[in-house]
N, C-alpha and C. Protein backbone atom coordinates (compact mmCIF):
# COMPACT_ATOMS: atom_id res chain seq x y z
N MET A 1 81.36 130.49 83.51
CA MET A 1 81.13 131.79 84.11
C MET A 1 81.50 132.87 83.11
N GLN A 2 80.73 133.93 83.07
CA GLN A 2 80.99 135.06 82.19
C GLN A 2 81.01 136.35 82.99
N GLU A 3 81.84 137.30 82.53
CA GLU A 3 81.85 138.65 83.10
C GLU A 3 81.80 139.64 81.94
N ASN A 4 80.94 140.64 82.07
CA ASN A 4 80.79 141.64 81.02
C ASN A 4 82.05 142.47 80.87
N VAL A 5 82.32 142.86 79.63
CA VAL A 5 83.41 143.78 79.31
C VAL A 5 82.85 144.90 78.44
N SER A 6 83.56 146.00 78.37
CA SER A 6 83.19 147.11 77.47
C SER A 6 84.16 147.11 76.30
N MET A 7 83.62 146.95 75.10
CA MET A 7 84.46 146.96 73.91
C MET A 7 84.72 148.41 73.53
N LEU A 8 86.01 148.77 73.41
CA LEU A 8 86.40 150.15 73.15
C LEU A 8 86.76 150.40 71.69
N GLU A 9 87.38 149.41 71.06
CA GLU A 9 87.79 149.56 69.65
C GLU A 9 87.62 148.23 68.93
N TYR A 10 87.37 148.37 67.62
CA TYR A 10 87.22 147.21 66.74
C TYR A 10 88.25 147.29 65.62
N ARG A 11 88.57 146.15 65.07
CA ARG A 11 89.41 146.05 63.88
C ARG A 11 88.53 145.47 62.78
N PHE A 12 88.50 146.10 61.64
CA PHE A 12 87.67 145.68 60.50
C PHE A 12 86.19 145.61 60.86
N GLU A 13 85.74 146.46 61.77
CA GLU A 13 84.34 146.60 62.19
C GLU A 13 83.75 145.38 62.88
N THR A 14 84.50 144.30 63.02
CA THR A 14 83.97 143.08 63.62
C THR A 14 84.87 142.53 64.72
N PHE A 15 86.18 142.50 64.48
CA PHE A 15 87.11 141.88 65.41
C PHE A 15 87.43 142.81 66.57
N PRO A 16 87.50 142.28 67.77
CA PRO A 16 87.83 143.12 68.93
C PRO A 16 89.28 143.59 68.86
N ALA A 17 89.52 144.84 69.28
CA ALA A 17 90.88 145.39 69.28
C ALA A 17 91.30 145.90 70.66
N LYS A 18 90.33 146.45 71.42
CA LYS A 18 90.64 146.97 72.75
C LYS A 18 89.36 146.91 73.59
N PHE A 19 89.51 146.47 74.86
CA PHE A 19 88.36 146.40 75.74
C PHE A 19 88.77 146.75 77.16
N SER A 20 87.80 147.07 77.99
CA SER A 20 88.08 147.32 79.39
C SER A 20 87.33 146.30 80.24
N TRP A 21 87.98 145.90 81.33
CA TRP A 21 87.42 144.92 82.25
C TRP A 21 88.00 145.17 83.62
N ARG A 22 87.12 145.30 84.60
CA ARG A 22 87.53 145.54 85.99
C ARG A 22 88.45 146.76 86.12
N GLY A 23 88.14 147.82 85.38
CA GLY A 23 88.88 149.06 85.49
C GLY A 23 90.20 149.11 84.74
N ARG A 24 90.53 148.08 84.00
CA ARG A 24 91.79 148.04 83.25
C ARG A 24 91.49 147.94 81.76
N VAL A 25 92.32 148.59 80.93
CA VAL A 25 92.16 148.54 79.48
C VAL A 25 93.13 147.51 78.92
N TYR A 26 92.61 146.64 78.06
CA TYR A 26 93.39 145.58 77.43
C TYR A 26 93.48 145.84 75.93
N GLN A 27 94.69 145.88 75.40
CA GLN A 27 94.94 145.98 73.96
C GLN A 27 95.15 144.56 73.43
N ILE A 28 94.35 144.17 72.46
CA ILE A 28 94.45 142.82 71.90
C ILE A 28 95.58 142.78 70.88
N ASP A 29 96.52 141.87 71.11
CA ASP A 29 97.67 141.72 70.21
C ASP A 29 97.33 140.88 69.00
N ALA A 30 96.50 139.84 69.19
CA ALA A 30 96.15 138.94 68.08
C ALA A 30 94.85 138.22 68.38
N VAL A 31 94.08 137.96 67.34
CA VAL A 31 92.92 137.08 67.44
C VAL A 31 93.38 135.71 66.95
N ASN A 32 93.48 134.75 67.86
CA ASN A 32 94.00 133.43 67.52
C ASN A 32 92.97 132.56 66.81
N GLU A 33 91.69 132.72 67.21
CA GLU A 33 90.65 131.88 66.65
C GLU A 33 89.31 132.59 66.78
N CYS A 34 88.41 132.31 65.84
CA CYS A 34 87.07 132.87 65.87
C CYS A 34 86.08 131.79 65.43
N ARG A 35 84.99 131.63 66.18
CA ARG A 35 83.95 130.65 65.84
C ARG A 35 82.58 131.26 66.07
N THR A 36 81.60 130.76 65.36
CA THR A 36 80.21 131.17 65.56
C THR A 36 79.47 130.01 66.18
N ARG A 37 78.81 130.28 67.30
CA ARG A 37 78.02 129.26 68.00
C ARG A 37 76.77 129.89 68.59
N ARG A 38 75.61 129.36 68.29
CA ARG A 38 74.35 129.75 68.92
C ARG A 38 74.20 131.26 69.11
N LEU A 39 74.14 131.99 68.04
CA LEU A 39 73.93 133.44 68.06
C LEU A 39 75.01 134.20 68.82
N ALA A 40 76.24 133.69 68.77
CA ALA A 40 77.35 134.38 69.42
C ALA A 40 78.63 134.14 68.64
N TYR A 41 79.47 135.17 68.63
CA TYR A 41 80.83 135.02 68.08
C TYR A 41 81.76 134.77 69.26
N HIS A 42 82.61 133.78 69.11
CA HIS A 42 83.61 133.45 70.13
C HIS A 42 84.99 133.78 69.57
N TYR A 43 85.74 134.55 70.33
CA TYR A 43 87.08 134.94 69.93
C TYR A 43 88.06 134.50 71.00
N TRP A 44 89.13 133.84 70.59
CA TRP A 44 90.23 133.54 71.49
C TRP A 44 91.34 134.52 71.13
N VAL A 45 91.62 135.42 72.06
CA VAL A 45 92.53 136.54 71.78
C VAL A 45 93.74 136.49 72.70
N ARG A 46 94.83 137.05 72.21
CA ARG A 46 96.05 137.16 73.00
C ARG A 46 96.27 138.62 73.36
N CYS A 47 96.42 138.87 74.66
CA CYS A 47 96.79 140.20 75.13
C CYS A 47 97.55 140.07 76.45
N ASP A 48 98.58 140.86 76.56
CA ASP A 48 99.45 140.84 77.74
C ASP A 48 99.95 139.44 78.09
N GLY A 49 100.26 138.64 77.07
CA GLY A 49 100.79 137.31 77.29
C GLY A 49 99.77 136.27 77.74
N GLN A 50 98.49 136.64 77.73
CA GLN A 50 97.43 135.72 78.15
C GLN A 50 96.55 135.37 76.96
N LEU A 51 95.97 134.18 76.99
CA LEU A 51 94.98 133.78 76.00
C LEU A 51 93.62 133.89 76.68
N LEU A 52 92.76 134.77 76.15
CA LEU A 52 91.45 135.03 76.73
C LEU A 52 90.36 134.64 75.76
N HIS A 53 89.20 134.27 76.29
CA HIS A 53 88.06 133.86 75.49
C HIS A 53 86.99 134.96 75.60
N LEU A 54 86.83 135.74 74.52
CA LEU A 54 85.82 136.79 74.46
C LEU A 54 84.61 136.29 73.69
N ILE A 55 83.43 136.71 74.11
CA ILE A 55 82.19 136.33 73.44
C ILE A 55 81.42 137.60 73.10
N HIS A 56 80.91 137.65 71.88
CA HIS A 56 79.99 138.72 71.47
C HIS A 56 78.63 138.09 71.29
N LEU A 57 77.71 138.37 72.21
CA LEU A 57 76.35 137.82 72.17
C LEU A 57 75.52 138.71 71.25
N LEU A 58 75.13 138.16 70.12
CA LEU A 58 74.53 138.95 69.06
C LEU A 58 73.12 139.45 69.39
N ASN A 59 72.32 138.65 70.09
CA ASN A 59 70.94 139.07 70.36
C ASN A 59 70.86 140.25 71.33
N SER A 60 71.85 140.41 72.20
CA SER A 60 71.86 141.53 73.15
C SER A 60 72.99 142.52 72.88
N ASN A 61 73.82 142.24 71.87
CA ASN A 61 74.99 143.07 71.54
C ASN A 61 75.88 143.27 72.77
N ARG A 62 76.02 142.23 73.57
CA ARG A 62 76.81 142.28 74.80
C ARG A 62 78.13 141.53 74.59
N TRP A 63 79.19 142.07 75.15
CA TRP A 63 80.51 141.43 75.13
C TRP A 63 80.81 140.90 76.53
N ALA A 64 81.46 139.73 76.59
CA ALA A 64 81.80 139.14 77.88
C ALA A 64 83.07 138.31 77.75
N LEU A 65 83.75 138.16 78.88
CA LEU A 65 84.87 137.22 79.00
C LEU A 65 84.30 135.90 79.51
N GLN A 66 84.67 134.82 78.87
CA GLN A 66 84.21 133.48 79.26
C GLN A 66 85.35 132.80 80.01
N PHE A 67 85.02 132.28 81.19
CA PHE A 67 85.99 131.52 81.97
C PHE A 67 85.52 130.07 82.00
N ASP A 68 86.32 129.19 81.47
CA ASP A 68 85.93 127.79 81.37
C ASP A 68 86.26 127.01 82.63
């Protein structure tokens, strides 16, 4: 399942730094892992003590949270 997020800030023009989801703003403390799969960048990020899976879908330039 995926839910769209709004990316607010980037680090080094590529890495996510801050996003909003469900009316709340999340500041990313660290990018733990990054992979490229099927026209998408997958980022496992740490924010507020949680490990979240963010996806940047390149063909639509859409950002989403992935729930496994």
